[in-house]
C-alpha atoms as a PDB file:
ATOM      1  CA  MET A   1     -41.875 -61.561 -66.977  1.00  0.00           C
ATOM      2  CA  ASN A   2     -42.501 -62.544 -63.261  1.00  0.00           C
ATOM      3  CA  THR A   3     -43.743 -59.892 -61.073  1.00  0.00           C
ATOM      4  CA  ILE A   4     -43.887 -59.169 -57.366  1.00  0.00           C
ATOM      5  CA  ALA A   5     -46.077 -56.378 -56.563  1.00  0.00           C
ATOM      6  CA  GLY A   6     -48.017 -55.011 -53.465  1.00  0.00           C
ATOM      7  CA  ASP A   7     -47.010 -54.815 -49.502  1.00  0.00           C
ATOM      8  CA  PHE A   8     -43.464 -56.278 -49.266  1.00  0.00           C
ATOM      9  CA  ALA A   9     -44.740 -57.961 -45.821  1.00  0.00           C
ATOM     10  CA  SER A  10     -47.381 -59.989 -47.235  1.00  0.00           C
ATOM     11  CA  THR A  11     -45.153 -61.841 -49.572  1.00  0.00           C
ATOM     12  CA  LEU A  12     -43.511 -63.167 -46.707  1.00  0.00           C
ATOM     13  CA  THR A  13     -46.041 -65.965 -45.665  1.00  0.00           C
ATOM     14  CA  GLN A  14     -46.433 -66.614 -49.336  1.00  0.00           C
ATOM     15  CA  ALA A  15     -42.544 -67.149 -50.728  1.00  0.00           C
ATOM     16  CA  GLN A  16     -42.245 -70.385 -49.719  1.00  0.00           C
ATOM     17  CA  PRO A  17     -44.340 -73.458 -49.735  1.00  0.00           C
ATOM     18  CA  ALA A  18     -44.743 -75.432 -46.493  1.00  0.00           C
ATOM     19  CA  GLY A  19     -41.963 -77.869 -45.458  1.00  0.00           C
ATOM     20  CA  ALA A  20     -39.548 -75.924 -47.921  1.00  0.00           C
ATOM     21  CA  THR A  21     -37.180 -74.783 -44.969  1.00  0.00           C
ATOM     22  CA  GLY A  22     -36.983 -78.019 -43.455  1.00  0.00           C
ATOM     23  CA  GLY A  23     -40.226 -77.518 -40.814  1.00  0.00           C
ATOM     24  CA  ARG A  24     -38.729 -73.930 -39.951  1.00  0.00           C
ATOM     25  CA  SER A  25     -42.218 -72.125 -38.833  1.00  0.00           C
ATOM     26  CA  SER A  26     -40.689 -68.699 -38.987  1.00  0.00           C
ATOM     27  CA  LEU A  27     -38.377 -66.746 -41.179  1.00  0.00           C
ATOM     28  CA  ASP A  28     -34.885 -65.635 -40.001  1.00  0.00           C
ATOM     29  CA  GLN A  29     -32.686 -62.876 -41.391  1.00  0.00           C
ATOM     30  CA  THR A  30     -31.024 -65.325 -43.835  1.00  0.00           C
ATOM     31  CA  ALA A  31     -34.271 -66.206 -45.459  1.00  0.00           C
ATOM     32  CA  PHE A  32     -35.533 -62.825 -45.156  1.00  0.00           C
ATOM     33  CA  LEU A  33     -32.776 -61.418 -47.254  1.00  0.00           C
ATOM     34  CA  LYS A  34     -32.742 -63.957 -50.036  1.00  0.00           C
ATOM     35  CA  LEU A  35     -36.626 -63.068 -50.068  1.00  0.00           C
ATOM     36  CA  MET A  36     -35.788 -59.511 -50.517  1.00  0.00           C
ATOM     37  CA  THR A  37     -33.128 -60.001 -53.111  1.00  0.00           C
ATOM     38  CA  THR A  38     -35.488 -62.523 -55.158  1.00  0.00           C
ATOM     39  CA  GLN A  39     -38.026 -59.935 -54.866  1.00  0.00           C
ATOM     40  CA  LEU A  40     -35.696 -57.381 -56.489  1.00  0.00           C
ATOM     41  CA  LYS A  41     -34.225 -59.384 -59.241  1.00  0.00           C
ATOM     42  CA  PHE A  42     -38.006 -60.378 -60.416  1.00  0.00           C
ATOM     43  CA  GLN A  43     -39.771 -56.924 -59.469  1.00  0.00           C
ATOM     44  CA  ASP A  44     -41.652 -55.112 -62.546  1.00  0.00           C
ATOM     45  CA  PRO A  45     -38.785 -52.543 -63.912  1.00  0.00           C
ATOM     46  CA  PHE A  46     -41.907 -50.249 -64.797  1.00  0.00           C
ATOM     47  CA  ASP A  47     -43.811 -50.657 -61.312  1.00  0.00           C
ATOM     48  CA  PRO A  48     -40.392 -50.945 -58.799  1.00  0.00           C
ATOM     49  CA  VAL A  49     -41.031 -51.605 -55.115  1.00  0.00           C
ATOM     50  CA  ASP A  50     -41.280 -48.495 -53.285  1.00  0.00           C
ATOM     51  CA  ASN A  51     -38.180 -47.543 -51.613  1.00  0.00           C
ATOM     52  CA  GLN A  52     -39.647 -46.275 -48.359  1.00  0.00           C
ATOM     53  CA  ALA A  53     -41.815 -48.985 -48.127  1.00  0.00           C
ATOM     54  CA  MET A  54     -39.272 -51.396 -48.205  1.00  0.00           C
ATOM     55  CA  VAL A  55     -36.928 -49.581 -45.696  1.00  0.00           C
ATOM     56  CA  ALA A  56     -40.132 -49.669 -43.748  1.00  0.00           C
ATOM     57  CA  GLN A  57     -40.362 -53.411 -43.912  1.00  0.00           C
ATOM     58  CA  MET A  58     -36.562 -53.866 -43.216  1.00  0.00           C
ATOM     59  CA  ALA A  59     -36.923 -51.898 -40.049  1.00  0.00           C
ATOM     60  CA  GLN A  60     -39.889 -53.854 -38.965  1.00  0.00           C
ATOM     61  CA  PHE A  61     -38.223 -56.870 -39.548  1.00  0.00           C
ATOM     62  CA  SER A  62     -35.169 -55.973 -37.807  1.00  0.00           C
ATOM     63  CA  GLN A  63     -36.923 -54.518 -34.803  1.00  0.00           C
ATOM     64  CA  VAL A  64     -39.121 -57.967 -34.295  1.00  0.00           C
ATOM     65  CA  ALA A  65     -35.794 -59.725 -34.528  1.00  0.00           C
ATOM     66  CA  GLY A  66     -34.290 -57.683 -31.914  1.00  0.00           C
ATOM     67  CA  ILE A  67     -37.073 -58.223 -29.696  1.00  0.00           C
ATOM     68  CA  SER A  68     -36.726 -62.170 -30.120  1.00  0.00           C
ATOM     69  CA  GLU A  69     -33.170 -62.102 -29.350  1.00  0.00           C
ATOM     70  CA  MET A  70     -33.845 -59.603 -26.429  1.00  0.00           C
ATOM     71  CA  ASN A  71     -36.525 -62.352 -25.055  1.00  0.00           C
ATOM     72  CA  ALA A  72     -34.386 -65.020 -25.260  1.00  0.00           C
ATOM     73  CA  SER A  73     -31.640 -63.057 -23.403  1.00  0.00           C
ATOM     74  CA  LEU A  74     -33.830 -61.974 -20.501  1.00  0.00           C
ATOM     75  CA  LYS A  75     -35.023 -65.924 -20.311  1.00  0.00           C
ATOM     76  CA  SER A  76     -31.240 -66.926 -20.249  1.00  0.00           C
ATOM     77  CA  ILE A  77     -30.998 -63.902 -17.428  1.00  0.00           C
ATOM     78  CA  SER A  78     -34.233 -65.363 -15.465  1.00  0.00           C
ATOM     79  CA  SER A  79     -32.918 -68.698 -15.684  1.00  0.00           C
ATOM     80  CA  ALA A  80     -29.289 -67.908 -14.246  1.00  0.00           C
ATOM     81  CA  LEU A  81     -31.003 -65.715 -11.724  1.00  0.00           C
ATOM     82  CA  GLY A  82     -33.231 -68.438 -10.345  1.00  0.00           C
ATOM     83  CA  THR A  83     -30.459 -71.314 -10.247  1.00  0.00           C
ATOM     84  CA  SER A  84     -28.499 -68.609  -8.061  1.00  0.00           C
ATOM     85  CA  ARG A  85     -31.566 -67.957  -5.801  1.00  0.00           C
ATOM     86  CA  LEU A  86     -32.098 -71.320  -5.541  1.00  0.00           C
ATOM     87  CA  ALA A  87     -28.423 -72.184  -4.400  1.00  0.00           C
ATOM     88  CA  GLU A  88     -28.466 -69.237  -1.787  1.00  0.00           C
ATOM     89  CA  ALA A  89     -31.648 -70.295  -0.319  1.00  0.00           C
ATOM     90  CA  ALA A  90     -30.088 -73.784   0.412  1.00  0.00           C
ATOM     91  CA  SER A  91     -28.271 -72.522   3.017  1.00  0.00           C
ATOM     92  CA  PHE A  92     -32.111 -71.965   4.820  1.00  0.00           C
ATOM     93  CA  ILE A  93     -32.236 -75.685   5.119  1.00  0.00           C
ATOM     94  CA  GLY A  94     -32.001 -77.015   9.130  1.00  0.00           C
ATOM     95  CA  ARG A  95     -32.774 -73.389  10.253  1.00  0.00           C
ATOM     96  CA  SER A  96     -36.263 -71.260  11.051  1.00  0.00           C
ATOM     97  CA  VAL A  97     -37.325 -68.366   9.407  1.00  0.00           C
ATOM     98  CA  LEU A  98     -39.970 -65.945  10.809  1.00  0.00           C
ATOM     99  CA  GLN A  99     -43.229 -65.621   9.079  1.00  0.00           C
ATOM    100  CA  GLN A 100     -46.343 -63.777   9.727  1.00  0.00           C
ATOM    101  CA  GLY A 101     -48.977 -65.953  10.915  1.00  0.00           C
ATOM    102  CA  ASP A 102     -51.189 -67.681  14.044  1.00  0.00           C
ATOM    103  CA  THR A 103     -50.117 -71.141  13.552  1.00  0.00           C
ATOM    104  CA  ALA A 104     -46.964 -72.380  14.894  1.00  0.00           C
ATOM    105  CA  HIS A 105     -44.974 -75.520  13.965  1.00  0.00           C
ATOM    106  CA  ALA A 106     -42.366 -77.573  16.171  1.00  0.00           C
ATOM    107  CA  ASP A 107     -38.828 -77.304  15.020  1.00  0.00           C
ATOM    108  CA  ALA A 108     -36.492 -80.672  15.794  1.00  0.00           C
ATOM    109  CA  GLN A 109     -35.890 -79.547  19.475  1.00  0.00           C
ATOM    110  CA  GLY A 110     -39.804 -79.502  20.030  1.00  0.00           C
ATOM    111  CA  ARG A 111     -39.547 -75.700  20.436  1.00  0.00           C
ATOM    112  CA  TYR A 112     -42.564 -73.798  19.195  1.00  0.00           C
ATOM    113  CA  ALA A 113     -41.968 -69.989  18.833  1.00  0.00           C
ATOM    114  CA  GLY A 114     -43.254 -66.759  17.457  1.00  0.00           C
ATOM    115  CA  GLU A 115     -43.374 -63.004  18.373  1.00  0.00           C
ATOM    116  CA  PHE A 116     -46.260 -60.278  18.417  1.00  0.00           C
ATOM    117  CA  THR A 117     -46.565 -56.760  18.794  1.00  0.00           C
ATOM    118  CA  LEU A 118     -48.210 -54.371  21.348  1.00  0.00           C
ATOM    119  CA  ALA A 119     -49.081 -50.871  20.196  1.00  0.00           C
ATOM    120  CA  ALA A 120     -49.261 -49.682  24.239  1.00  0.00           C
ATOM    121  CA  PRO A 121     -48.835 -51.101  27.355  1.00  0.00           C
ATOM    122  CA  ALA A 122     -51.006 -54.055  28.918  1.00  0.00           C
ATOM    123  CA  ASP A 123     -51.494 -55.128  32.066  1.00  0.00           C
ATOM    124  CA  ASN A 124     -52.621 -58.972  32.111  1.00  0.00           C
ATOM    125  CA  VAL A 125     -51.812 -60.353  28.736  1.00  0.00           C
ATOM    126  CA  THR A 126     -52.672 -64.150  28.028  1.00  0.00           C
ATOM    127  CA  LEU A 127     -51.053 -66.567  25.238  1.00  0.00           C
ATOM    128  CA  GLU A 128     -53.477 -69.183  24.326  1.00  0.00           C
ATOM    129  CA  TRP A 129     -52.300 -72.330  22.519  1.00  0.00           C
ATOM    130  CA  THR A 130     -54.829 -74.231  20.252  1.00  0.00           C
ATOM    131  CA  ASP A 131     -55.974 -77.231  18.580  1.00  0.00           C
ATOM    132  CA  ALA A 132     -57.688 -76.743  14.779  1.00  0.00           C
ATOM    133  CA  SER A 133     -61.071 -76.890  16.571  1.00  0.00           C
ATOM    134  CA  GLY A 134     -60.155 -73.597  18.867  1.00  0.00           C
ATOM    135  CA  ASN A 135     -59.667 -76.108  22.082  1.00  0.00           C
ATOM    136  CA  VAL A 136     -57.181 -74.637  24.351  1.00  0.00           C
ATOM    137  CA  LEU A 137     -54.406 -76.691  25.127  1.00  0.00           C
ATOM    138  CA  HIS A 138     -52.129 -74.523  26.916  1.00  0.00           C
ATOM    139  CA  SER A 139     -52.151 -70.996  28.281  1.00  0.00           C
ATOM    140  CA  GLN A 140     -49.296 -68.811  29.209  1.00  0.00           C
ATOM    141  CA  GLN A 141     -49.948 -65.953  31.590  1.00  0.00           C
ATOM    142  CA  LEU A 142     -47.415 -63.168  30.252  1.00  0.00           C
ATOM    143  CA  GLY A 143     -48.815 -60.848  32.910  1.00  0.00           C
ATOM    144  CA  LYS A 144     -47.943 -57.004  32.592  1.00  0.00           C
ATOM    145  CA  LEU A 145     -46.055 -55.931  29.279  1.00  0.00           C
ATOM    146  CA  ALA A 146     -44.323 -53.065  27.758  1.00  0.00           C
ATOM    147  CA  ALA A 147     -45.204 -51.875  24.256  1.00  0.00           C
ATOM    148  CA  GLY A 148     -43.144 -53.290  21.720  1.00  0.00           C
ATOM    149  CA  THR A 149     -42.012 -56.415  20.353  1.00  0.00           C
ATOM    150  CA  ILE A 150     -42.914 -59.636  22.268  1.00  0.00           C
ATOM    151  CA  PRO A 151     -41.205 -62.911  21.768  1.00  0.00           C
ATOM    152  CA  PHE A 152     -42.857 -66.237  23.067  1.00  0.00           C
ATOM    153  CA  GLN A 153     -42.074 -69.815  23.206  1.00  0.00           C
ATOM    154  CA  LEU A 154     -43.400 -73.184  23.942  1.00  0.00           C
ATOM    155  CA  ILE A 155     -41.111 -76.366  24.662  1.00  0.00           C
ATOM    156  CA  SER A 156     -43.115 -79.887  23.871  1.00  0.00           C
ATOM    157  CA  GLN A 157     -41.211 -82.472  25.525  1.00  0.00           C
ATOM    158  CA  ASP A 158     -42.212 -86.238  26.921  1.00  0.00           C
ATOM    159  CA  GLU A 159     -42.028 -87.288  30.420  1.00  0.00           C
ATOM    160  CA  ASN A 160     -38.136 -87.929  29.494  1.00  0.00           C
ATOM    161  CA  GLY A 161     -37.442 -84.575  28.164  1.00  0.00           C
ATOM    162  CA  GLN A 162     -37.306 -85.894  24.682  1.00  0.00           C
ATOM    163  CA  PRO A 163     -38.841 -83.163  22.103  1.00  0.00           C
ATOM    164  CA  VAL A 164     -42.326 -84.319  21.008  1.00  0.00           C
ATOM    165  CA  ASN A 165     -43.860 -82.617  17.664  1.00  0.00           C
ATOM    166  CA  ALA A 166     -47.466 -82.070  18.720  1.00  0.00           C
ATOM    167  CA  GLY A 167     -48.368 -81.101  15.361  1.00  0.00           C
ATOM    168  CA  PRO A 168     -49.616 -77.146  14.321  1.00  0.00           C
ATOM    169  CA  LEU A 169     -50.704 -75.150  17.157  1.00  0.00           C
ATOM    170  CA  LYS A 170     -52.843 -71.757  16.653  1.00  0.00           C
ATOM    171  CA  LEU A 171     -52.128 -68.874  19.020  1.00  0.00           C
ATOM    172  CA  ARG A 172     -54.422 -66.404  20.427  1.00  0.00           C
ATOM    173  CA  VAL A 173     -53.581 -63.144  22.458  1.00  0.00           C
ATOM    174  CA  THR A 174     -56.125 -62.066  24.836  1.00  0.00           C
ATOM    175  CA  GLY A 175     -55.642 -59.015  27.604  1.00  0.00           C
ATOM    176  CA  ALA A 176     -54.644 -56.970  24.581  1.00  0.00           C
ATOM    177  CA  ALA A 177     -54.223 -55.655  21.097  1.00  0.00           C
ATOM    178  CA  ALA A 178     -51.824 -57.683  19.477  1.00  0.00           C
ATOM    179  CA  THR A 179     -50.601 -57.190  15.839  1.00  0.00           C
ATOM    180  CA  GLY A 180     -47.942 -58.634  13.561  1.00  0.00           C
ATOM    181  CA  LEU A 181     -48.350 -62.210  15.119  1.00  0.00           C
ATOM    182  CA  SER A 182     -45.662 -64.282  13.549  1.00  0.00           C
ATOM    183  CA  THR A 183     -44.207 -67.829  14.269  1.00  0.00           C
ATOM    184  CA  TRP A 184     -40.693 -69.252  13.643  1.00  0.00           C
ATOM    185  CA  LEU A 185     -40.963 -72.015  10.707  1.00  0.00           C
ATOM    186  CA  PRO A 186     -38.337 -74.852  10.361  1.00  0.00           C
ATOM    187  CA  VAL A 187     -36.955 -75.029   6.923  1.00  0.00           C
ATOM    188  CA  THR A 188     -36.891 -78.644   5.580  1.00  0.00           C
ATOM    189  CA  ALA A 189     -35.946 -78.155   1.499  1.00  0.00           C
ATOM    190  CA  VAL A 190     -36.122 -75.621  -0.932  1.00  0.00           C
ATOM    191  CA  GLU A 191     -37.442 -75.231  -4.393  1.00  0.00           C
ATOM    192  CA  SER A 192     -38.067 -73.087  -7.076  1.00  0.00           C
ATOM    193  CA  SER A 193     -40.713 -71.072  -7.655  1.00  0.00           C
ATOM    194  CA  SER A 194     -43.284 -71.571 -10.764  1.00  0.00           C
ATOM    195  CA  ASN A 195     -41.800 -68.381 -12.448  1.00  0.00           C
ATOM    196  CA  GLY A 196     -38.452 -68.883 -11.330  1.00  0.00           C
ATOM    197  CA  ALA A 197     -38.888 -65.503  -9.922  1.00  0.00           C
ATOM    198  CA  ASP A 198     -38.094 -66.537  -6.385  1.00  0.00           C
ATOM    199  CA  ALA A 199     -36.680 -69.626  -4.380  1.00  0.00           C
ATOM    200  CA  MET A 200     -39.162 -71.355  -2.194  1.00  0.00           C
ATOM    201  CA  LEU A 201     -38.626 -72.591   1.041  1.00  0.00           C
ATOM    202  CA  VAL A 202     -40.350 -75.859   1.966  1.00  0.00           C
ATOM    203  CA  THR A 203     -41.796 -75.374   5.685  1.00  0.00           C
ATOM    204  CA  PRO A 204     -44.286 -77.309   7.681  1.00  0.00           C
ATOM    205  CA  ALA A 205     -46.731 -74.937   6.937  1.00  0.00           C
ATOM    206  CA  GLY A 206     -46.426 -75.021   3.298  1.00  0.00           C
ATOM    207  CA  SER A 207     -43.929 -73.353   0.581  1.00  0.00           C
ATOM    208  CA  ILE A 208     -43.076 -69.812   1.018  1.00  0.00           C
ATOM    209  CA  ALA A 209     -41.308 -66.924  -0.930  1.00  0.00           C
ATOM    210  CA  ALA A 210     -37.838 -66.594   0.268  1.00  0.00           C
ATOM    211  CA  GLY A 211     -38.236 -62.937   0.219  1.00  0.00           C
ATOM    212  CA  SER A 212     -41.567 -62.734   2.097  1.00  0.00           C
ATOM    213  CA  ILE A 213     -39.706 -63.930   5.567  1.00  0.00           C
ATOM    214  CA  LYS A 214     -39.036 -61.514   8.377  1.00  0.00           C
ATOM    215  CA  ARG A 215     -36.053 -62.676   9.745  1.00  0.00           C
ATOM    216  CA  ILE A 216     -33.629 -66.241   9.717  1.00  0.00           C
ATOM    217  CA  ALA A 217     -32.212 -67.961  12.817  1.00  0.00           C
END
């Protein structure tokens, strides 16, 4: 008489030879039930499989199957949300977003712009525009300013009034303790993030998460 004894779960990986399921590398619910039926059919009547152990194994299999189905559902939801976020972010193309940082980039009109915050009034504030080496290319005397958010901008044009992209310009505020320095960045494209959690906005400063921007214009 053929007998199947021992832990029921341990038979799952031994019951079928490699390739017997047409290349399937894991057991689905149908295969599990067939295995269980086979075990019941050929069990030793003098040493039957313990009922409690079998119920426990069935519950464990159901739990694992449920987790697998839940993971598949979550992946599907994540994919759908990622597509939705990407479609929503497409409306950002051609516009500018405010992002914290000290490097400004020109938009299509040659405008460099941003803002900073003063916690207290200041009498003689200067905004310096520098190149990557720290050389001052332009200074703006902002004078006496009240506490609060201070917007700024610089228009880059040639002698004919046409926009000129002078490349990235770094900003430095002197004469006051400025915080929250941010610049407007033109959005040229959108792309999905590596984990699909958020849409990425492509700007001259690199790709930034749509959820990290402060404002859009």
